[in-house]
């Protein structure tokens, strides 16, 4: 599981455009309209790439959700909805 967050900072205000969990990087690439390689690059980067240094480029973070946490959250959601 991965969490993908896309947001734009405007001064002191941050506007979140997407904050969603996905099963794999391929699903994220489909949602964002990027190639799998671009998404893999974003998820593993240590620093910003040249193409991410534009003034209005949105911030994209992709974080792996550990299996034990995603299972706990799934069980919590099932309890809340059930």
N, C-alpha and C. Protein backbone atom coordinates (compact mmCIF):
# COMPACT_ATOMS: atom_id res chain seq x y z
N UNK A 1 0.84 -1.18 0.00
CA UNK A 1 0.00 0.00 0.00
C UNK A 1 0.89 1.24 0.00
N UNK A 2 0.41 2.26 -0.71
CA UNK A 2 1.11 3.52 -0.78
C UNK A 2 0.12 4.65 -0.56
N UNK A 3 0.59 5.72 0.06
CA UNK A 3 -0.21 6.93 0.18
C UNK A 3 0.40 7.95 -0.76
N UNK A 4 -0.44 8.57 -1.57
CA UNK A 4 0.00 9.60 -2.50
C UNK A 4 -0.67 10.91 -2.12
N UNK A 5 0.13 11.93 -1.92
CA UNK A 5 -0.40 13.25 -1.59
C UNK A 5 0.15 14.24 -2.60
N UNK A 6 -0.76 14.99 -3.23
CA UNK A 6 -0.38 16.03 -4.18
C UNK A 6 -0.92 17.33 -3.61
N UNK A 7 -0.02 18.29 -3.43
CA UNK A 7 -0.45 19.56 -2.85
C UNK A 7 0.37 20.70 -3.42
N UNK A 8 -0.19 21.89 -3.31
CA UNK A 8 0.48 23.10 -3.79
C UNK A 8 0.55 24.09 -2.65
N UNK A 9 1.73 24.61 -2.41
CA UNK A 9 1.90 25.61 -1.36
C UNK A 9 1.81 26.99 -1.99
N UNK A 10 0.96 27.82 -1.41
CA UNK A 10 0.77 29.20 -1.88
C UNK A 10 1.05 30.12 -0.70
N UNK A 11 2.30 30.52 -0.55
CA UNK A 11 2.68 31.31 0.61
C UNK A 11 2.61 30.47 1.86
N UNK A 12 1.79 30.89 2.81
CA UNK A 12 1.66 30.13 4.06
C UNK A 12 0.49 29.14 4.01
N UNK A 13 -0.21 29.09 2.88
CA UNK A 13 -1.37 28.21 2.73
C UNK A 13 -1.01 27.03 1.83
N UNK A 14 -1.45 25.84 2.22
CA UNK A 14 -1.22 24.65 1.42
C UNK A 14 -2.57 24.08 0.98
N UNK A 15 -2.71 23.84 -0.33
CA UNK A 15 -3.95 23.30 -0.86
C UNK A 15 -3.70 21.86 -1.32
N UNK A 16 -4.39 20.91 -0.70
CA UNK A 16 -4.25 19.50 -1.04
C UNK A 16 -5.17 19.17 -2.21
N UNK A 17 -4.58 18.64 -3.27
CA UNK A 17 -5.34 18.28 -4.47
C UNK A 17 -5.72 16.80 -4.45
N UNK A 18 -4.88 15.97 -3.82
CA UNK A 18 -5.12 14.53 -3.74
C UNK A 18 -4.43 14.00 -2.50
N UNK A 19 -5.12 13.18 -1.74
CA UNK A 19 -4.53 12.49 -0.59
C UNK A 19 -5.26 11.16 -0.49
N UNK A 20 -4.66 10.13 -1.11
CA UNK A 20 -5.36 8.86 -1.27
C UNK A 20 -4.39 7.69 -1.14
N UNK A 21 -4.91 6.55 -0.68
CA UNK A 21 -4.12 5.32 -0.59
C UNK A 21 -4.33 4.48 -1.84
N UNK A 22 -3.26 3.84 -2.29
CA UNK A 22 -3.30 3.00 -3.49
C UNK A 22 -2.63 1.67 -3.18
N UNK A 23 -3.01 0.63 -3.92
CA UNK A 23 -2.43 -0.70 -3.71
C UNK A 23 -1.01 -0.78 -4.23
N UNK A 24 -0.72 -0.07 -5.33
CA UNK A 24 0.62 -0.16 -5.91
C UNK A 24 0.95 1.11 -6.69
N UNK A 25 2.19 1.21 -7.14
CA UNK A 25 2.65 2.40 -7.86
C UNK A 25 1.97 2.53 -9.22
N UNK A 26 1.61 1.41 -9.82
CA UNK A 26 0.93 1.45 -11.14
C UNK A 26 -0.41 2.18 -11.02
N UNK A 27 -1.15 1.95 -9.94
CA UNK A 27 -2.42 2.65 -9.73
C UNK A 27 -2.19 4.15 -9.58
N UNK A 28 -1.12 4.51 -8.89
CA UNK A 28 -0.80 5.93 -8.72
C UNK A 28 -0.47 6.56 -10.07
N UNK A 29 0.31 5.85 -10.89
CA UNK A 29 0.68 6.39 -12.20
C UNK A 29 -0.55 6.61 -13.07
N UNK A 30 -1.51 5.70 -13.00
CA UNK A 30 -2.75 5.85 -13.76
C UNK A 30 -3.54 7.06 -13.27
N UNK A 31 -3.65 7.22 -11.96
CA UNK A 31 -4.41 8.33 -11.37
C UNK A 31 -3.79 9.69 -11.72
N UNK A 32 -2.46 9.76 -11.68
CA UNK A 32 -1.77 11.03 -11.92
C UNK A 32 -1.49 11.31 -13.40
N UNK A 33 -1.64 10.29 -14.23
CA UNK A 33 -1.34 10.47 -15.65
C UNK A 33 0.15 10.54 -15.91
N UNK A 34 0.93 9.85 -15.09
CA UNK A 34 2.38 9.78 -15.24
C UNK A 34 2.78 8.36 -15.60
N UNK A 35 4.00 8.19 -16.07
CA UNK A 35 4.47 6.83 -16.33
C UNK A 35 4.84 6.16 -15.02
N UNK A 36 4.90 4.85 -15.05
CA UNK A 36 5.31 4.09 -13.87
C UNK A 36 6.71 4.52 -13.42
N UNK A 37 7.61 4.74 -14.40
CA UNK A 37 8.97 5.13 -14.08
C UNK A 37 9.02 6.47 -13.35
N UNK A 38 8.19 7.43 -13.77
CA UNK A 38 8.14 8.73 -13.10
C UNK A 38 7.66 8.59 -11.66
N UNK A 39 6.63 7.77 -11.46
CA UNK A 39 6.09 7.56 -10.11
C UNK A 39 7.11 6.85 -9.23
N UNK A 40 7.79 5.85 -9.78
CA UNK A 40 8.83 5.16 -9.02
C UNK A 40 9.95 6.13 -8.65
N UNK A 41 10.30 7.02 -9.55
CA UNK A 41 11.33 8.03 -9.29
C UNK A 41 10.90 8.97 -8.17
N UNK A 42 9.65 9.41 -8.20
CA UNK A 42 9.14 10.31 -7.16
C UNK A 42 9.11 9.59 -5.81
N UNK A 43 8.71 8.33 -5.79
CA UNK A 43 8.58 7.61 -4.52
C UNK A 43 9.94 7.30 -3.88
N UNK A 44 11.00 7.26 -4.68
CA UNK A 44 12.30 6.88 -4.13
C UNK A 44 13.31 8.01 -4.10
N UNK A 45 12.93 9.20 -4.47
CA UNK A 45 13.90 10.30 -4.58
C UNK A 45 14.41 10.76 -3.22
N UNK A 46 15.64 11.21 -3.21
CA UNK A 46 16.23 11.79 -2.01
C UNK A 46 16.15 13.31 -2.07
N UNK A 47 16.18 13.86 -3.26
CA UNK A 47 16.11 15.31 -3.43
C UNK A 47 15.25 15.63 -4.64
N UNK A 48 14.97 16.87 -4.86
CA UNK A 48 14.15 17.27 -6.00
C UNK A 48 14.93 17.11 -7.30
N UNK A 49 14.24 16.64 -8.32
CA UNK A 49 14.82 16.54 -9.64
C UNK A 49 14.68 17.90 -10.33
N UNK A 50 15.41 18.10 -11.41
CA UNK A 50 15.35 19.38 -12.13
C UNK A 50 13.95 19.74 -12.57
N UNK A 51 13.17 18.74 -13.02
CA UNK A 51 11.82 19.03 -13.50
C UNK A 51 10.86 19.38 -12.37
N UNK A 52 11.28 19.27 -11.12
CA UNK A 52 10.42 19.59 -9.99
C UNK A 52 10.74 20.94 -9.37
N UNK A 53 11.60 21.71 -9.99
CA UNK A 53 12.03 22.98 -9.42
C UNK A 53 11.30 24.18 -9.99
N UNK A 54 10.24 23.96 -10.75
CA UNK A 54 9.47 25.07 -11.29
C UNK A 54 8.68 25.74 -10.18
N UNK A 55 8.39 27.01 -10.37
CA UNK A 55 7.70 27.80 -9.35
C UNK A 55 6.33 27.20 -8.99
N UNK A 56 5.59 26.71 -9.98
CA UNK A 56 4.23 26.23 -9.72
C UNK A 56 4.09 24.72 -9.81
N UNK A 57 5.19 24.00 -9.70
CA UNK A 57 5.14 22.55 -9.72
C UNK A 57 4.54 22.06 -8.40
N UNK A 58 3.48 21.23 -8.45
CA UNK A 58 2.89 20.76 -7.19
C UNK A 58 3.84 19.81 -6.48
N UNK A 59 3.75 19.76 -5.19
CA UNK A 59 4.54 18.83 -4.40
C UNK A 59 3.84 17.48 -4.44
N UNK A 60 4.59 16.43 -4.70
CA UNK A 60 4.03 15.08 -4.74
C UNK A 60 4.84 14.22 -3.79
N UNK A 61 4.16 13.63 -2.81
CA UNK A 61 4.83 12.70 -1.91
C UNK A 61 4.15 11.35 -2.03
N UNK A 62 4.96 10.31 -2.10
CA UNK A 62 4.46 8.94 -2.15
C UNK A 62 5.18 8.17 -1.06
N UNK A 63 4.41 7.64 -0.12
CA UNK A 63 5.00 6.93 1.01
C UNK A 63 4.41 5.53 1.09
N UNK A 64 5.29 4.57 1.33
CA UNK A 64 4.84 3.19 1.53
C UNK A 64 4.18 3.09 2.90
N UNK A 65 3.03 2.43 2.94
CA UNK A 65 2.33 2.19 4.20
C UNK A 65 2.70 0.78 4.64
N UNK A 66 3.34 0.63 5.81
CA UNK A 66 3.69 -0.72 6.28
C UNK A 66 2.45 -1.62 6.37
N UNK A 67 2.62 -2.89 6.05
CA UNK A 67 1.48 -3.82 6.02
C UNK A 67 0.72 -3.87 7.32
N UNK A 68 1.42 -3.89 8.45
CA UNK A 68 0.71 -3.99 9.73
C UNK A 68 -0.15 -2.75 10.00
N UNK A 69 0.28 -1.58 9.56
CA UNK A 69 -0.52 -0.37 9.76
C UNK A 69 -1.72 -0.37 8.83
N UNK A 70 -1.54 -0.78 7.56
CA UNK A 70 -2.66 -0.78 6.64
C UNK A 70 -3.72 -1.81 7.06
N UNK A 71 -3.30 -2.92 7.64
CA UNK A 71 -4.25 -3.93 8.13
C UNK A 71 -5.02 -3.38 9.33
N UNK A 72 -4.32 -2.70 10.25
CA UNK A 72 -4.99 -2.12 11.41
C UNK A 72 -6.00 -1.06 10.98
N UNK A 73 -5.63 -0.20 10.02
CA UNK A 73 -6.55 0.83 9.55
C UNK A 73 -7.76 0.22 8.86
N UNK A 74 -7.54 -0.86 8.11
CA UNK A 74 -8.65 -1.53 7.43
C UNK A 74 -9.62 -2.09 8.46
N UNK A 75 -9.09 -2.72 9.52
CA UNK A 75 -9.94 -3.28 10.57
C UNK A 75 -10.70 -2.17 11.30
N UNK A 76 -10.05 -1.03 11.55
CA UNK A 76 -10.72 0.10 12.19
C UNK A 76 -11.86 0.61 11.34
N UNK A 77 -11.60 0.77 10.03
CA UNK A 77 -12.64 1.27 9.12
C UNK A 77 -13.82 0.31 9.06
N UNK A 78 -13.54 -1.00 9.09
CA UNK A 78 -14.63 -1.98 9.04
C UNK A 78 -15.46 -1.90 10.31
N UNK A 79 -14.82 -1.68 11.46
CA UNK A 79 -15.54 -1.55 12.73
C UNK A 79 -16.40 -0.31 12.74
N UNK A 80 -15.88 0.80 12.20
CA UNK A 80 -16.62 2.06 12.18
C UNK A 80 -17.82 1.99 11.23
N UNK A 81 -17.65 1.30 10.11
CA UNK A 81 -18.74 1.23 9.13
C UNK A 81 -19.74 0.12 9.46
N UNK A 82 -19.34 -0.83 10.28
CA UNK A 82 -20.18 -1.99 10.57
C UNK A 82 -20.98 -1.81 11.75
